[in-house]
Amino acid sequence: MPADAPLAIKDSVGNLLADGDSVTVIKDLKVKGSSSVVKVGTKVRNIRLIDAEDGHDIDCRVDGIGAMRLKSVFVRKA
């Protein structure tokens, strides 16, 4: 893929995601290295799409938890 081509990342139901979108978490996600959990229904605003590292292709900030990376299969476009 050329370096200037946009990333084509889709959410759990096939909607195309873009930088700055808002997404909703569709499954409780344990935060690695912490006892925190990102609950189902948590809305995450202003996401950034990144090249997938271990499947994590969304860089974001979750309220109450902080900066983290998510997999697009666990979110739905809001």
N, C-alpha and C. Protein backbone atom coordinates (compact mmCIF):
# COMPACT_ATOMS: atom_id res chain seq x y z
N MET A 1 0.84 -1.18 0.00
CA MET A 1 0.00 0.00 0.00
C MET A 1 0.89 1.24 0.00
N PRO A 2 0.61 2.22 -0.86
CA PRO A 2 1.41 3.44 -0.88
C PRO A 2 1.33 4.19 0.43
N ALA A 3 2.38 4.92 0.75
CA ALA A 3 2.45 5.63 2.03
C ALA A 3 1.39 6.72 2.16
N ASP A 4 0.95 7.31 1.05
CA ASP A 4 -0.03 8.39 1.13
C ASP A 4 -1.48 7.91 1.05
N ALA A 5 -1.70 6.60 0.90
CA ALA A 5 -3.06 6.06 0.82
C ALA A 5 -3.70 6.05 2.21
N PRO A 6 -4.97 6.44 2.31
CA PRO A 6 -5.65 6.42 3.60
C PRO A 6 -5.89 4.99 4.08
N LEU A 7 -5.90 4.81 5.39
CA LEU A 7 -6.16 3.49 5.95
C LEU A 7 -7.64 3.16 5.79
N ALA A 8 -7.96 1.95 5.38
CA ALA A 8 -9.35 1.52 5.24
C ALA A 8 -9.66 0.60 6.40
N ILE A 9 -10.08 1.18 7.52
CA ILE A 9 -10.37 0.41 8.72
C ILE A 9 -11.87 0.46 8.95
N LYS A 10 -12.47 -0.72 9.19
CA LYS A 10 -13.91 -0.81 9.39
C LYS A 10 -14.22 -1.24 10.82
N ASP A 11 -15.40 -0.81 11.32
CA ASP A 11 -15.82 -1.20 12.66
C ASP A 11 -16.43 -2.60 12.63
N SER A 12 -17.05 -3.01 13.73
CA SER A 12 -17.56 -4.37 13.86
C SER A 12 -18.70 -4.69 12.90
N VAL A 13 -19.41 -3.68 12.42
CA VAL A 13 -20.52 -3.93 11.50
C VAL A 13 -20.22 -3.52 10.06
N GLY A 14 -18.98 -3.11 9.79
CA GLY A 14 -18.55 -2.82 8.43
C GLY A 14 -18.55 -1.36 8.03
N ASN A 15 -18.86 -0.44 8.96
CA ASN A 15 -18.82 0.99 8.64
C ASN A 15 -17.37 1.44 8.56
N LEU A 16 -17.07 2.26 7.57
CA LEU A 16 -15.71 2.79 7.39
C LEU A 16 -15.43 3.85 8.45
N LEU A 17 -14.30 3.72 9.14
CA LEU A 17 -13.90 4.68 10.18
C LEU A 17 -12.92 5.69 9.62
N ALA A 18 -12.92 6.89 10.22
CA ALA A 18 -12.00 7.96 9.82
C ALA A 18 -11.47 8.65 11.06
N ASP A 19 -10.34 9.35 10.92
CA ASP A 19 -9.80 10.12 12.04
C ASP A 19 -10.84 11.12 12.52
N GLY A 20 -10.98 11.24 13.84
CA GLY A 20 -11.91 12.20 14.42
C GLY A 20 -13.30 11.65 14.68
N ASP A 21 -13.58 10.43 14.23
CA ASP A 21 -14.88 9.81 14.48
C ASP A 21 -15.08 9.50 15.95
N SER A 22 -16.34 9.29 16.32
CA SER A 22 -16.68 8.81 17.65
C SER A 22 -17.14 7.36 17.51
N VAL A 23 -16.74 6.52 18.46
CA VAL A 23 -17.12 5.11 18.43
C VAL A 23 -17.64 4.70 19.80
N THR A 24 -18.40 3.60 19.82
CA THR A 24 -18.93 3.04 21.05
C THR A 24 -18.37 1.63 21.21
N VAL A 25 -17.92 1.29 22.42
CA VAL A 25 -17.36 -0.03 22.71
C VAL A 25 -18.52 -1.03 22.80
N ILE A 26 -18.39 -2.20 22.14
CA ILE A 26 -19.47 -3.18 22.11
C ILE A 26 -19.23 -4.38 23.01
N LYS A 27 -18.12 -4.39 23.75
CA LYS A 27 -17.79 -5.52 24.62
C LYS A 27 -16.95 -5.00 25.78
N ASP A 28 -17.16 -5.54 26.99
CA ASP A 28 -16.31 -5.16 28.11
C ASP A 28 -14.86 -5.54 27.78
N LEU A 29 -13.95 -4.57 27.94
CA LEU A 29 -12.55 -4.80 27.61
C LEU A 29 -11.69 -4.60 28.85
N LYS A 30 -10.91 -5.60 29.21
CA LYS A 30 -9.98 -5.47 30.33
C LYS A 30 -8.79 -4.65 29.87
N VAL A 31 -8.31 -3.77 30.75
CA VAL A 31 -7.15 -2.95 30.44
C VAL A 31 -5.92 -3.69 30.93
N LYS A 32 -5.02 -3.98 30.01
CA LYS A 32 -3.82 -4.75 30.34
C LYS A 32 -2.96 -4.00 31.36
N GLY A 33 -2.53 -4.68 32.41
CA GLY A 33 -1.67 -4.08 33.42
C GLY A 33 -2.43 -3.26 34.45
N SER A 34 -3.74 -3.36 34.46
CA SER A 34 -4.56 -2.58 35.38
C SER A 34 -5.80 -3.40 35.75
N SER A 35 -6.46 -3.00 36.83
CA SER A 35 -7.69 -3.69 37.19
C SER A 35 -8.91 -3.00 36.57
N SER A 36 -8.67 -1.97 35.76
CA SER A 36 -9.75 -1.22 35.12
C SER A 36 -10.39 -2.02 33.99
N VAL A 37 -11.64 -1.68 33.69
CA VAL A 37 -12.38 -2.29 32.59
C VAL A 37 -13.08 -1.19 31.81
N VAL A 38 -12.98 -1.25 30.49
CA VAL A 38 -13.74 -0.35 29.63
C VAL A 38 -15.08 -1.04 29.41
N LYS A 39 -16.15 -0.46 29.95
CA LYS A 39 -17.48 -1.08 29.92
C LYS A 39 -18.13 -0.97 28.55
N VAL A 40 -19.00 -1.92 28.26
CA VAL A 40 -19.78 -1.88 27.03
C VAL A 40 -20.62 -0.60 27.02
N GLY A 41 -20.71 0.04 25.87
CA GLY A 41 -21.46 1.28 25.74
C GLY A 41 -20.65 2.53 25.97
N THR A 42 -19.37 2.39 26.36
CA THR A 42 -18.51 3.55 26.57
C THR A 42 -18.28 4.25 25.23
N LYS A 43 -18.53 5.56 25.20
CA LYS A 43 -18.33 6.33 23.97
C LYS A 43 -16.93 6.93 23.97
N VAL A 44 -16.22 6.73 22.90
CA VAL A 44 -14.87 7.25 22.73
C VAL A 44 -14.90 8.24 21.58
N ARG A 45 -14.50 9.48 21.85
CA ARG A 45 -14.55 10.54 20.85
C ARG A 45 -13.16 10.81 20.28
N ASN A 46 -13.14 11.34 19.07
CA ASN A 46 -11.92 11.83 18.44
C ASN A 46 -10.84 10.76 18.32
N ILE A 47 -11.16 9.66 17.65
CA ILE A 47 -10.19 8.57 17.48
C ILE A 47 -9.18 8.92 16.40
N ARG A 48 -8.03 8.24 16.45
CA ARG A 48 -7.02 8.34 15.39
C ARG A 48 -6.74 6.94 14.89
N LEU A 49 -6.72 6.77 13.58
CA LEU A 49 -6.42 5.48 12.99
C LEU A 49 -4.91 5.34 12.81
N ILE A 50 -4.39 4.18 13.16
CA ILE A 50 -2.96 3.92 13.06
C ILE A 50 -2.74 2.59 12.35
N ASP A 51 -1.51 2.36 11.90
CA ASP A 51 -1.17 1.06 11.33
C ASP A 51 -1.30 0.02 12.43
N ALA A 52 -1.93 -1.10 12.11
CA ALA A 52 -2.22 -2.13 13.10
C ALA A 52 -0.95 -2.72 13.71
N GLU A 53 -0.87 -2.67 15.03
CA GLU A 53 0.18 -3.34 15.78
C GLU A 53 -0.52 -4.36 16.66
N ASP A 54 -0.34 -5.63 16.38
CA ASP A 54 -1.04 -6.70 17.10
C ASP A 54 -2.55 -6.54 16.98
N GLY A 55 -3.04 -5.99 15.88
CA GLY A 55 -4.46 -5.83 15.67
C GLY A 55 -5.06 -4.56 16.24
N HIS A 56 -4.29 -3.82 17.03
CA HIS A 56 -4.77 -2.56 17.62
C HIS A 56 -4.59 -1.45 16.59
N ASP A 57 -5.69 -1.00 15.99
CA ASP A 57 -5.59 -0.03 14.90
C ASP A 57 -6.27 1.30 15.20
N ILE A 58 -6.72 1.51 16.46
CA ILE A 58 -7.31 2.78 16.87
C ILE A 58 -6.56 3.31 18.07
N ASP A 59 -6.09 4.54 17.98
CA ASP A 59 -5.43 5.22 19.09
C ASP A 59 -6.43 6.24 19.63
N CYS A 60 -6.65 6.23 20.96
CA CYS A 60 -7.69 7.10 21.51
C CYS A 60 -7.41 7.39 22.99
N ARG A 61 -8.28 8.23 23.55
CA ARG A 61 -8.23 8.54 24.98
C ARG A 61 -9.62 8.21 25.53
N VAL A 62 -9.65 7.30 26.51
CA VAL A 62 -10.90 6.88 27.13
C VAL A 62 -11.06 7.63 28.44
N ASP A 63 -12.21 8.28 28.64
CA ASP A 63 -12.47 9.02 29.88
C ASP A 63 -12.35 8.10 31.09
N GLY A 64 -11.60 8.55 32.10
CA GLY A 64 -11.42 7.79 33.32
C GLY A 64 -10.30 6.77 33.27
N ILE A 65 -9.79 6.50 32.08
CA ILE A 65 -8.72 5.50 31.94
C ILE A 65 -7.47 6.12 31.34
N GLY A 66 -7.61 6.89 30.27
CA GLY A 66 -6.48 7.55 29.64
C GLY A 66 -6.24 7.05 28.23
N ALA A 67 -5.04 7.29 27.75
CA ALA A 67 -4.67 6.92 26.38
C ALA A 67 -4.55 5.42 26.26
N MET A 68 -5.10 4.88 25.18
CA MET A 68 -4.98 3.45 24.92
C MET A 68 -5.24 3.17 23.46
N ARG A 69 -5.00 1.94 23.08
CA ARG A 69 -5.24 1.50 21.71
C ARG A 69 -6.33 0.43 21.74
N LEU A 70 -7.20 0.48 20.74
CA LEU A 70 -8.31 -0.46 20.65
C LEU A 70 -8.27 -1.20 19.32
N LYS A 71 -8.91 -2.35 19.29
CA LYS A 71 -9.10 -3.08 18.04
C LYS A 71 -10.44 -2.66 17.45
N SER A 72 -10.47 -2.44 16.16
CA SER A 72 -11.69 -1.98 15.50
C SER A 72 -12.83 -2.99 15.56
N VAL A 73 -12.54 -4.26 15.79
CA VAL A 73 -13.61 -5.27 15.87
C VAL A 73 -14.42 -5.13 17.15
N PHE A 74 -13.96 -4.37 18.13
CA PHE A 74 -14.68 -4.20 19.39
C PHE A 74 -15.38 -2.85 19.51
N VAL A 75 -15.50 -2.12 18.40
CA VAL A 75 -16.17 -0.81 18.44
C VAL A 75 -17.19 -0.72 17.31
N ARG A 76 -18.15 0.19 17.50
CA ARG A 76 -19.16 0.50 16.50
C ARG A 76 -19.20 2.01 16.32
N LYS A 77 -19.29 2.46 15.09
CA LYS A 77 -19.33 3.90 14.82
C LYS A 77 -20.56 4.51 15.47
N ALA A 78 -20.36 5.64 16.16
CA ALA A 78 -21.48 6.27 16.87
C ALA A 78 -22.17 7.30 16.01
